[in-house]
PDB file of all heavy atoms in Angstrom:
ATOM      1  N   LEU A   1     -22.436 -25.127 -18.401  1.00  0.00           N
ATOM      2  CA  LEU A   1     -23.689 -25.201 -19.141  1.00  0.00           C
ATOM      3  C   LEU A   1     -23.632 -26.322 -20.177  1.00  0.00           C
ATOM      4  O   LEU A   1     -24.671 -26.862 -20.547  1.00  0.00           O
ATOM      5  CB  LEU A   1     -23.968 -23.870 -19.840  1.00  0.00           C
ATOM      6  CG  LEU A   1     -24.292 -22.668 -18.943  1.00  0.00           C
ATOM      7  CD1 LEU A   1     -24.722 -21.483 -19.801  1.00  0.00           C
ATOM      8  CD2 LEU A   1     -25.373 -23.003 -17.926  1.00  0.00           C
ATOM      9  N   ALA A   2     -22.430 -26.682 -20.616  1.00  0.00           N
ATOM     10  CA  ALA A   2     -22.307 -27.790 -21.570  1.00  0.00           C
ATOM     11  C   ALA A   2     -22.787 -29.096 -20.953  1.00  0.00           C
ATOM     12  O   ALA A   2     -23.524 -29.868 -21.581  1.00  0.00           O
ATOM     13  CB  ALA A   2     -20.855 -27.922 -22.031  1.00  0.00           C
ATOM     14  N   ALA A   3     -22.374 -29.369 -19.715  1.00  0.00           N
ATOM     15  CA  ALA A   3     -22.802 -30.594 -19.035  1.00  0.00           C
ATOM     16  C   ALA A   3     -24.302 -30.577 -18.782  1.00  0.00           C
ATOM     17  O   ALA A   3     -25.001 -31.592 -18.981  1.00  0.00           O
ATOM     18  CB  ALA A   3     -22.040 -30.751 -17.724  1.00  0.00           C
ATOM     19  N   LEU A   4     -24.814 -29.433 -18.344  1.00  0.00           N
ATOM     20  CA  LEU A   4     -26.250 -29.299 -18.084  1.00  0.00           C
ATOM     21  C   LEU A   4     -27.044 -29.472 -19.376  1.00  0.00           C
ATOM     22  O   LEU A   4     -28.074 -30.163 -19.415  1.00  0.00           O
ATOM     23  CB  LEU A   4     -26.528 -27.932 -17.461  1.00  0.00           C
ATOM     24  CG  LEU A   4     -27.963 -27.641 -17.042  1.00  0.00           C
ATOM     25  CD1 LEU A   4     -28.386 -28.569 -15.910  1.00  0.00           C
ATOM     26  CD2 LEU A   4     -28.110 -26.193 -16.619  1.00  0.00           C
ATOM     27  N   ASP A   5     -26.567 -28.870 -20.444  1.00  0.00           N
ATOM     28  CA  ASP A   5     -27.256 -28.949 -21.729  1.00  0.00           C
ATOM     29  C   ASP A   5     -27.282 -30.381 -22.255  1.00  0.00           C
ATOM     30  O   ASP A   5     -28.321 -30.864 -22.726  1.00  0.00           O
ATOM     31  CB  ASP A   5     -26.566 -28.031 -22.743  1.00  0.00           C
ATOM     32  CG  ASP A   5     -27.108 -28.210 -24.146  1.00  0.00           C
ATOM     33  OD1 ASP A   5     -28.287 -27.877 -24.364  1.00  0.00           O
ATOM     34  OD2 ASP A   5     -26.365 -28.709 -25.013  1.00  0.00           O
ATOM     35  N   THR A   6     -26.152 -31.069 -22.184  1.00  0.00           N
ATOM     36  CA  THR A   6     -26.089 -32.442 -22.684  1.00  0.00           C
ATOM     37  C   THR A   6     -27.100 -33.332 -21.971  1.00  0.00           C
ATOM     38  O   THR A   6     -27.750 -34.177 -22.595  1.00  0.00           O
ATOM     39  CB  THR A   6     -24.672 -33.010 -22.510  1.00  0.00           C
ATOM     40  OG1 THR A   6     -23.750 -32.211 -23.268  1.00  0.00           O
ATOM     41  CG2 THR A   6     -24.593 -34.440 -22.984  1.00  0.00           C
ATOM     42  N   ALA A   7     -27.252 -33.128 -20.673  1.00  0.00           N
ATOM     43  CA  ALA A   7     -28.144 -33.976 -19.887  1.00  0.00           C
ATOM     44  C   ALA A   7     -29.611 -33.640 -20.092  1.00  0.00           C
ATOM     45  O   ALA A   7     -30.455 -34.544 -20.191  1.00  0.00           O
ATOM     46  CB  ALA A   7     -27.790 -33.855 -18.406  1.00  0.00           C
ATOM     47  N   HIS A   8     -29.939 -32.341 -20.169  1.00  0.00           N
ATOM     48  CA  HIS A   8     -31.338 -31.937 -20.076  1.00  0.00           C
ATOM     49  C   HIS A   8     -31.912 -31.282 -21.332  1.00  0.00           C
ATOM     50  O   HIS A   8     -33.138 -31.152 -21.439  1.00  0.00           O
ATOM     51  CB  HIS A   8     -31.515 -30.992 -18.894  1.00  0.00           C
ATOM     52  CG  HIS A   8     -31.261 -31.632 -17.565  1.00  0.00           C
ATOM     53  ND1 HIS A   8     -32.185 -32.439 -16.930  1.00  0.00           N
ATOM     54  CD2 HIS A   8     -30.179 -31.603 -16.755  1.00  0.00           C
ATOM     55  CE1 HIS A   8     -31.691 -32.866 -15.787  1.00  0.00           C
ATOM     56  NE2 HIS A   8     -30.479 -32.379 -15.652  1.00  0.00           N
ATOM     57  N   TYR A   9     -31.071 -30.859 -22.269  1.00  0.00           N
ATOM     58  CA  TYR A   9     -31.591 -30.122 -23.426  1.00  0.00           C
ATOM     59  C   TYR A   9     -31.109 -30.682 -24.767  1.00  0.00           C
ATOM     60  O   TYR A   9     -31.911 -30.903 -25.659  1.00  0.00           O
ATOM     61  CB  TYR A   9     -31.216 -28.634 -23.323  1.00  0.00           C
ATOM     62  CG  TYR A   9     -31.863 -27.945 -22.152  1.00  0.00           C
ATOM     63  CD1 TYR A   9     -31.213 -27.864 -20.918  1.00  0.00           C
ATOM     64  CD2 TYR A   9     -33.139 -27.390 -22.264  1.00  0.00           C
ATOM     65  CE1 TYR A   9     -31.813 -27.251 -19.835  1.00  0.00           C
ATOM     66  CE2 TYR A   9     -33.746 -26.774 -21.184  1.00  0.00           C
ATOM     67  CZ  TYR A   9     -33.083 -26.706 -19.971  1.00  0.00           C
ATOM     68  OH  TYR A   9     -33.680 -26.106 -18.897  1.00  0.00           O
ATOM     69  N   GLY A  10     -29.810 -30.842 -24.925  1.00  0.00           N
ATOM     70  CA  GLY A  10     -29.284 -31.365 -26.178  1.00  0.00           C
ATOM     71  C   GLY A  10     -29.107 -30.348 -27.280  1.00  0.00           C
ATOM     72  O   GLY A  10     -29.080 -30.702 -28.465  1.00  0.00           O
ATOM     73  N   HIS A  11     -28.962 -29.075 -26.925  1.00  0.00           N
ATOM     74  CA  HIS A  11     -28.728 -28.060 -27.958  1.00  0.00           C
ATOM     75  C   HIS A  11     -27.381 -28.268 -28.650  1.00  0.00           C
ATOM     76  O   HIS A  11     -27.259 -28.080 -29.855  1.00  0.00           O
ATOM     77  CB  HIS A  11     -28.742 -26.659 -27.345  1.00  0.00           C
ATOM     78  CG  HIS A  11     -30.076 -26.229 -26.825  1.00  0.00           C
ATOM     79  ND1 HIS A  11     -31.208 -26.212 -27.607  1.00  0.00           N
ATOM     80  CD2 HIS A  11     -30.465 -25.796 -25.591  1.00  0.00           C
ATOM     81  CE1 HIS A  11     -32.240 -25.790 -26.887  1.00  0.00           C
ATOM     82  NE2 HIS A  11     -31.820 -25.540 -25.662  1.00  0.00           N
ATOM     83  N   GLY A  12     -26.368 -28.603 -27.885  1.00  0.00           N
ATOM     84  CA  GLY A  12     -25.019 -28.678 -28.429  1.00  0.00           C
ATOM     85  C   GLY A  12     -24.371 -27.311 -28.491  1.00  0.00           C
ATOM     86  O   GLY A  12     -23.353 -27.053 -27.858  1.00  0.00           O
ATOM     87  N   ARG A  13     -24.963 -26.417 -29.252  1.00  0.00           N
ATOM     88  CA  ARG A  13     -24.486 -25.039 -29.310  1.00  0.00           C
ATOM     89  C   ARG A  13     -25.709 -24.131 -29.427  1.00  0.00           C
ATOM     90  O   ARG A  13     -26.585 -24.380 -30.264  1.00  0.00           O
ATOM     91  CB  ARG A  13     -23.522 -24.811 -30.469  1.00  0.00           C
ATOM     92  CG  ARG A  13     -22.802 -23.460 -30.377  1.00  0.00           C
ATOM     93  CD  ARG A  13     -21.683 -23.339 -31.408  1.00  0.00           C
ATOM     94  NE  ARG A  13     -20.953 -22.080 -31.208  1.00  0.00           N
ATOM     95  CZ  ARG A  13     -19.793 -21.973 -30.583  1.00  0.00           C
ATOM     96  NH1 ARG A  13     -19.224 -23.056 -30.085  1.00  0.00           N
ATOM     97  NH2 ARG A  13     -19.197 -20.813 -30.440  1.00  0.00           N
ATOM     98  N   ILE A  14     -25.750 -23.095 -28.609  1.00  0.00           N
ATOM     99  CA  ILE A  14     -26.866 -22.161 -28.610  1.00  0.00           C
ATOM    100  C   ILE A  14     -26.368 -20.840 -28.041  1.00  0.00           C
ATOM    101  O   ILE A  14     -25.519 -20.823 -27.141  1.00  0.00           O
ATOM    102  CB  ILE A  14     -28.063 -22.705 -27.781  1.00  0.00           C
ATOM    103  CG1 ILE A  14     -29.259 -21.762 -27.864  1.00  0.00           C
ATOM    104  CG2 ILE A  14     -27.665 -22.983 -26.342  1.00  0.00           C
ATOM    105  CD1 ILE A  14     -30.524 -22.315 -27.177  1.00  0.00           C
ATOM    106  N   ASP A  15     -26.852 -19.735 -28.583  1.00  0.00           N
ATOM    107  CA  ASP A  15     -26.474 -18.430 -28.043  1.00  0.00           C
ATOM    108  C   ASP A  15     -26.913 -18.329 -26.590  1.00  0.00           C
ATOM    109  O   ASP A  15     -28.016 -18.748 -26.225  1.00  0.00           O
ATOM    110  CB  ASP A  15     -27.140 -17.307 -28.848  1.00  0.00           C
ATOM    111  CG  ASP A  15     -26.603 -17.211 -30.272  1.00  0.00           C
ATOM    112  OD1 ASP A  15     -25.398 -17.469 -30.464  1.00  0.00           O
ATOM    113  OD2 ASP A  15     -27.394 -16.887 -31.181  1.00  0.00           O
ATOM    114  N   TRP A  16     -26.052 -17.741 -25.769  1.00  0.00           N
ATOM    115  CA  TRP A  16     -26.354 -17.663 -24.345  1.00  0.00           C
ATOM    116  C   TRP A  16     -27.644 -16.890 -24.091  1.00  0.00           C
ATOM    117  O   TRP A  16     -28.388 -17.209 -23.165  1.00  0.00           O
ATOM    118  CB  TRP A  16     -25.191 -17.008 -23.585  1.00  0.00           C
ATOM    119  CG  TRP A  16     -23.919 -17.802 -23.630  1.00  0.00           C
ATOM    120  CD1 TRP A  16     -23.707 -19.005 -24.230  1.00  0.00           C
ATOM    121  CD2 TRP A  16     -22.670 -17.430 -23.052  1.00  0.00           C
ATOM    122  NE1 TRP A  16     -22.407 -19.413 -24.066  1.00  0.00           N
ATOM    123  CE2 TRP A  16     -21.741 -18.467 -23.353  1.00  0.00           C
ATOM    124  CE3 TRP A  16     -22.233 -16.328 -22.323  1.00  0.00           C
ATOM    125  CZ2 TRP A  16     -20.412 -18.428 -22.932  1.00  0.00           C
ATOM    126  CZ3 TRP A  16     -20.905 -16.282 -21.913  1.00  0.00           C
ATOM    127  CH2 TRP A  16     -20.012 -17.319 -22.202  1.00  0.00           C
ATOM    128  N   TRP A  17     -27.904 -15.855 -24.894  1.00  0.00           N
ATOM    129  CA  TRP A  17     -29.114 -15.059 -24.649  1.00  0.00           C
ATOM    130  C   TRP A  17     -30.377 -15.828 -25.035  1.00  0.00           C
ATOM    131  O   TRP A  17     -31.462 -15.485 -24.599  1.00  0.00           O
ATOM    132  CB  TRP A  17     -29.049 -13.716 -25.371  1.00  0.00           C
ATOM    133  CG  TRP A  17     -28.965 -13.783 -26.870  1.00  0.00           C
ATOM    134  CD1 TRP A  17     -29.989 -14.003 -27.743  1.00  0.00           C
ATOM    135  CD2 TRP A  17     -27.790 -13.624 -27.670  1.00  0.00           C
ATOM    136  NE1 TRP A  17     -29.535 -14.002 -29.043  1.00  0.00           N
ATOM    137  CE2 TRP A  17     -28.181 -13.758 -29.025  1.00  0.00           C
ATOM    138  CE3 TRP A  17     -26.464 -13.364 -27.388  1.00  0.00           C
ATOM    139  CZ2 TRP A  17     -27.278 -13.653 -30.077  1.00  0.00           C
ATOM    140  CZ3 TRP A  17     -25.569 -13.266 -28.439  1.00  0.00           C
ATOM    141  CH2 TRP A  17     -25.981 -13.397 -29.766  1.00  0.00           C
ATOM    142  N   LYS A  18     -30.241 -16.886 -25.842  1.00  0.00           N
ATOM    143  CA  LYS A  18     -31.381 -17.745 -26.139  1.00  0.00           C
ATOM    144  C   LYS A  18     -31.544 -18.840 -25.086  1.00  0.00           C
ATOM    145  O   LYS A  18     -32.672 -19.265 -24.795  1.00  0.00           O
ATOM    146  CB  LYS A  18     -31.205 -18.390 -27.515  1.00  0.00           C
ATOM    147  CG  LYS A  18     -31.238 -17.410 -28.670  1.00  0.00           C
ATOM    148  CD  LYS A  18     -31.024 -18.122 -30.000  1.00  0.00           C
ATOM    149  CE  LYS A  18     -31.010 -17.142 -31.168  1.00  0.00           C
ATOM    150  NZ  LYS A  18     -30.723 -17.837 -32.459  1.00  0.00           N
ATOM    151  N   PHE A  19     -30.424 -19.309 -24.541  1.00  0.00           N
ATOM    152  CA  PHE A  19     -30.477 -20.379 -23.541  1.00  0.00           C
ATOM    153  C   PHE A  19     -30.948 -19.854 -22.189  1.00  0.00           C
ATOM    154  O   PHE A  19     -31.653 -20.552 -21.451  1.00  0.00           O
ATOM    155  CB  PHE A  19     -29.086 -21.003 -23.411  1.00  0.00           C
ATOM    156  CG  PHE A  19     -29.079 -22.378 -22.788  1.00  0.00           C
ATOM    157  CD1 PHE A  19     -30.227 -23.154 -22.687  1.00  0.00           C
ATOM    158  CD2 PHE A  19     -27.894 -22.919 -22.305  1.00  0.00           C
ATOM    159  CE1 PHE A  19     -30.207 -24.425 -22.129  1.00  0.00           C
ATOM    160  CE2 PHE A  19     -27.859 -24.183 -21.737  1.00  0.00           C
ATOM    161  CZ  PHE A  19     -29.017 -24.927 -21.654  1.00  0.00           C
ATOM    162  N   ALA A  20     -30.569 -18.620 -21.847  1.00  0.00           N
ATOM    163  CA  ALA A  20     -30.878 -18.065 -20.523  1.00  0.00           C
ATOM    164  C   ALA A  20     -32.375 -18.112 -20.202  1.00  0.00           C
ATOM    165  O   ALA A  20     -32.754 -18.526 -19.092  1.00  0.00           O
ATOM    166  CB  ALA A  20     -30.339 -16.636 -20.420  1.00  0.00           C
ATOM    167  N   PRO A  21     -33.283 -17.706 -21.121  1.00  0.00           N
ATOM    168  CA  PRO A  21     -34.711 -17.786 -20.782  1.00  0.00           C
ATOM    169  C   PRO A  21     -35.193 -19.208 -20.529  1.00  0.00           C
ATOM    170  O   PRO A  21     -36.088 -19.433 -19.699  1.00  0.00           O
ATOM    171  CB  PRO A  21     -35.389 -17.183 -22.023  1.00  0.00           C
ATOM    172  CG  PRO A  21     -34.357 -16.342 -22.683  1.00  0.00           C
ATOM    173  CD  PRO A  21     -33.065 -17.056 -22.422  1.00  0.00           C
ATOM    174  N   GLN A  22     -34.612 -20.178 -21.219  1.00  0.00           N
ATOM    175  CA  GLN A  22     -35.001 -21.569 -20.979  1.00  0.00           C
ATOM    176  C   GLN A  22     -34.563 -22.030 -19.592  1.00  0.00           C
ATOM    177  O   GLN A  22     -35.317 -22.722 -18.887  1.00  0.00           O
ATOM    178  CB  GLN A  22     -34.373 -22.474 -22.046  1.00  0.00           C
ATOM    179  CG  GLN A  22     -34.833 -22.186 -23.461  1.00  0.00           C
ATOM    180  CD  GLN A  22     -34.140 -23.066 -24.488  1.00  0.00           C
ATOM    181  OE1 GLN A  22     -33.621 -24.135 -24.151  1.00  0.00           O
ATOM    182  NE2 GLN A  22     -34.118 -22.641 -25.735  1.00  0.00           N
ATOM    183  N   LEU A  23     -33.353 -21.650 -19.205  1.00  0.00           N
ATOM    184  CA  LEU A  23     -32.855 -22.018 -17.877  1.00  0.00           C
ATOM    185  C   LEU A  23     -33.677 -21.351 -16.779  1.00  0.00           C
ATOM    186  O   LEU A  23     -33.906 -21.934 -15.712  1.00  0.00           O
ATOM    187  CB  LEU A  23     -31.383 -21.642 -17.757  1.00  0.00           C
ATOM    188  CG  LEU A  23     -30.435 -22.386 -18.711  1.00  0.00           C
ATOM    189  CD1 LEU A  23     -29.040 -21.786 -18.658  1.00  0.00           C
ATOM    190  CD2 LEU A  23     -30.377 -23.872 -18.365  1.00  0.00           C
ATOM    191  N   LEU A  24     -34.141 -20.136 -17.037  1.00  0.00           N
ATOM    192  CA  LEU A  24     -35.025 -19.439 -16.086  1.00  0.00           C
ATOM    193  C   LEU A  24     -36.370 -20.140 -16.014  1.00  0.00           C
ATOM    194  O   LEU A  24     -36.886 -20.432 -14.921  1.00  0.00           O
ATOM    195  CB  LEU A  24     -35.188 -17.987 -16.522  1.00  0.00           C
ATOM    196  CG  LEU A  24     -36.227 -17.157 -15.757  1.00  0.00           C
ATOM    197  CD1 LEU A  24     -35.855 -17.036 -14.286  1.00  0.00           C
ATOM    198  CD2 LEU A  24     -36.377 -15.778 -16.395  1.00  0.00           C
ATOM    199  N   ARG A  25     -36.939 -20.425 -17.170  1.00  0.00           N
ATOM    200  CA  ARG A  25     -38.254 -21.087 -17.235  1.00  0.00           C
ATOM    201  C   ARG A  25     -38.264 -22.420 -16.502  1.00  0.00           C
ATOM    202  O   ARG A  25     -39.220 -22.751 -15.794  1.00  0.00           O
ATOM    203  CB  ARG A  25     -38.614 -21.304 -18.709  1.00  0.00           C
ATOM    204  CG  ARG A  25     -39.913 -22.065 -18.964  1.00  0.00           C
ATOM    205  CD  ARG A  25     -39.902 -22.616 -20.386  1.00  0.00           C
ATOM    206  NE  ARG A  25     -38.893 -23.658 -20.558  1.00  0.00           N
ATOM    207  CZ  ARG A  25     -38.415 -24.038 -21.747  1.00  0.00           C
ATOM    208  NH1 ARG A  25     -38.832 -23.452 -22.861  1.00  0.00           N
ATOM    209  NH2 ARG A  25     -37.517 -25.009 -21.818  1.00  0.00           N
ATOM    210  N   ASP A  26     -37.166 -23.173 -16.619  1.00  0.00           N
ATOM    211  CA  ASP A  26     -37.113 -24.520 -16.057  1.00  0.00           C
ATOM    212  C   ASP A  26     -36.548 -24.566 -14.640  1.00  0.00           C
ATOM    213  O   ASP A  26     -36.322 -25.662 -14.104  1.00  0.00           O
ATOM    214  CB  ASP A  26     -36.287 -25.430 -16.974  1.00  0.00           C
ATOM    215  CG  ASP A  26     -36.934 -25.604 -18.338  1.00  0.00           C
ATOM    216  OD1 ASP A  26     -38.155 -25.382 -18.448  1.00  0.00           O
ATOM    217  OD2 ASP A  26     -36.216 -25.959 -19.300  1.00  0.00           O
ATOM    218  N   GLY A  27     -36.270 -23.408 -14.058  1.00  0.00           N
ATOM    219  CA  GLY A  27     -35.877 -23.365 -12.655  1.00  0.00           C
ATOM    220  C   GLY A  27     -34.407 -23.552 -12.374  1.00  0.00           C
ATOM    221  O   GLY A  27     -34.011 -23.665 -11.214  1.00  0.00           O
ATOM    222  N   TRP A  28     -33.554 -23.559 -13.417  1.00  0.00           N
ATOM    223  CA  TRP A  28     -32.118 -23.704 -13.181  1.00  0.00           C
ATOM    224  C   TRP A  28     -31.467 -22.397 -12.762  1.00  0.00           C
ATOM    225  O   TRP A  28     -30.476 -22.407 -12.026  1.00  0.00           O
ATOM    226  CB  TRP A  28     -31.429 -24.245 -14.436  1.00  0.00           C
ATOM    227  CG  TRP A  28     -31.769 -25.666 -14.739  1.00  0.00           C
ATOM    228  CD1 TRP A  28     -32.610 -26.136 -15.703  1.00  0.00           C
ATOM    229  CD2 TRP A  28     -31.282 -26.822 -14.042  1.00  0.00           C
ATOM    230  NE1 TRP A  28     -32.685 -27.504 -15.661  1.00  0.00           N
ATOM    231  CE2 TRP A  28     -31.874 -27.958 -14.660  1.00  0.00           C
ATOM    232  CE3 TRP A  28     -30.409 -27.014 -12.974  1.00  0.00           C
ATOM    233  CZ2 TRP A  28     -31.605 -29.252 -14.226  1.00  0.00           C
ATOM    234  CZ3 TRP A  28     -30.143 -28.308 -12.552  1.00  0.00           C
ATOM    235  CH2 TRP A  28     -30.735 -29.404 -13.160  1.00  0.00           C
ATOM    236  N   LEU A  29     -31.996 -21.279 -13.235  1.00  0.00           N
ATOM    237  CA  LEU A  29     -31.439 -19.965 -12.913  1.00  0.00           C
ATOM    238  C   LEU A  29     -32.499 -19.060 -12.320  1.00  0.00           C
ATOM    239  O   LEU A  29     -33.679 -19.129 -12.702  1.00  0.00           O
ATOM    240  CB  LEU A  29     -30.875 -19.297 -14.179  1.00  0.00           C
ATOM    241  CG  LEU A  29     -29.523 -19.755 -14.714  1.00  0.00           C
ATOM    242  CD1 LEU A  29     -29.180 -18.979 -15.980  1.00  0.00           C
ATOM    243  CD2 LEU A  29     -28.426 -19.573 -13.672  1.00  0.00           C
ATOM    244  N   ALA A  30     -32.081 -18.181 -11.409  1.00  0.00           N
ATOM    245  CA  ALA A  30     -32.940 -17.124 -10.890  1.00  0.00           C
ATOM    246  C   ALA A  30     -33.001 -16.000 -11.928  1.00  0.00           C
ATOM    247  O   ALA A  30     -32.129 -15.893 -12.800  1.00  0.00           O
ATOM    248  CB  ALA A  30     -32.396 -16.608  -9.567  1.00  0.00           C
ATOM    249  N   PRO A  31     -34.007 -15.127 -11.855  1.00  0.00           N
ATOM    250  CA  PRO A  31     -34.164 -14.079 -12.879  1.00  0.00           C
ATOM    251  C   PRO A  31     -32.938 -13.196 -13.076  1.00  0.00           C
ATOM    252  O   PRO A  31     -32.551 -12.925 -14.217  1.00  0.00           O
ATOM    253  CB  PRO A  31     -35.365 -13.274 -12.364  1.00  0.00           C
ATOM    254  CG  PRO A  31     -36.167 -14.270 -11.594  1.00  0.00           C
ATOM    255  CD  PRO A  31     -35.160 -15.158 -10.933  1.00  0.00           C
ATOM    256  N   ASP A  32     -32.307 -12.743 -12.004  1.00  0.00           N
ATOM    257  CA  ASP A  32     -31.147 -11.856 -12.149  1.00  0.00           C
ATOM    258  C   ASP A  32     -29.990 -12.565 -12.851  1.00  0.00           C
ATOM    259  O   ASP A  32     -29.304 -11.977 -13.700  1.00  0.00           O
ATOM    260  CB  ASP A  32     -30.686 -11.338 -10.786  1.00  0.00           C
ATOM    261  CG  ASP A  32     -31.614 -10.283 -10.223  1.00  0.00           C
ATOM    262  OD1 ASP A  32     -32.503  -9.792 -10.960  1.00  0.00           O
ATOM    263  OD2 ASP A  32     -31.475  -9.952  -9.026  1.00  0.00           O
ATOM    264  N   ASP A  33     -29.772 -13.830 -12.506  1.00  0.00           N
ATOM    265  CA  ASP A  33     -28.674 -14.568 -13.128  1.00  0.00           C
ATOM    266  C   ASP A  33     -28.969 -14.872 -14.599  1.00  0.00           C
ATOM    267  O   ASP A  33     -28.058 -14.870 -15.440  1.00  0.00           O
ATOM    268  CB  ASP A  33     -28.403 -15.869 -12.370  1.00  0.00           C
ATOM    269  CG  ASP A  33     -27.550 -15.654 -11.131  1.00  0.00           C
ATOM    270  OD1 ASP A  33     -26.926 -14.584 -11.025  1.00  0.00           O
ATOM    271  OD2 ASP A  33     -27.499 -16.554 -10.278  1.00  0.00           O
ATOM    272  N   ALA A  34     -30.230 -15.148 -14.905  1.00  0.00           N
ATOM    273  CA  ALA A  34     -30.590 -15.387 -16.306  1.00  0.00           C
ATOM    274  C   ALA A  34     -30.337 -14.137 -17.136  1.00  0.00           C
ATOM    275  O   ALA A  34     -29.811 -14.208 -18.256  1.00  0.00           O
ATOM    276  CB  ALA A  34     -32.048 -15.814 -16.408  1.00  0.00           C
TER     277      ALA A  34
END
């Protein structure tokens, strides 16, 4: 997720439970995995 974040988001550090909905919204993760 660090590599993905650096390329597409730039959070640097973010709680996983906050990042998961963004990854779901943007199509990187399916609902169950998010």
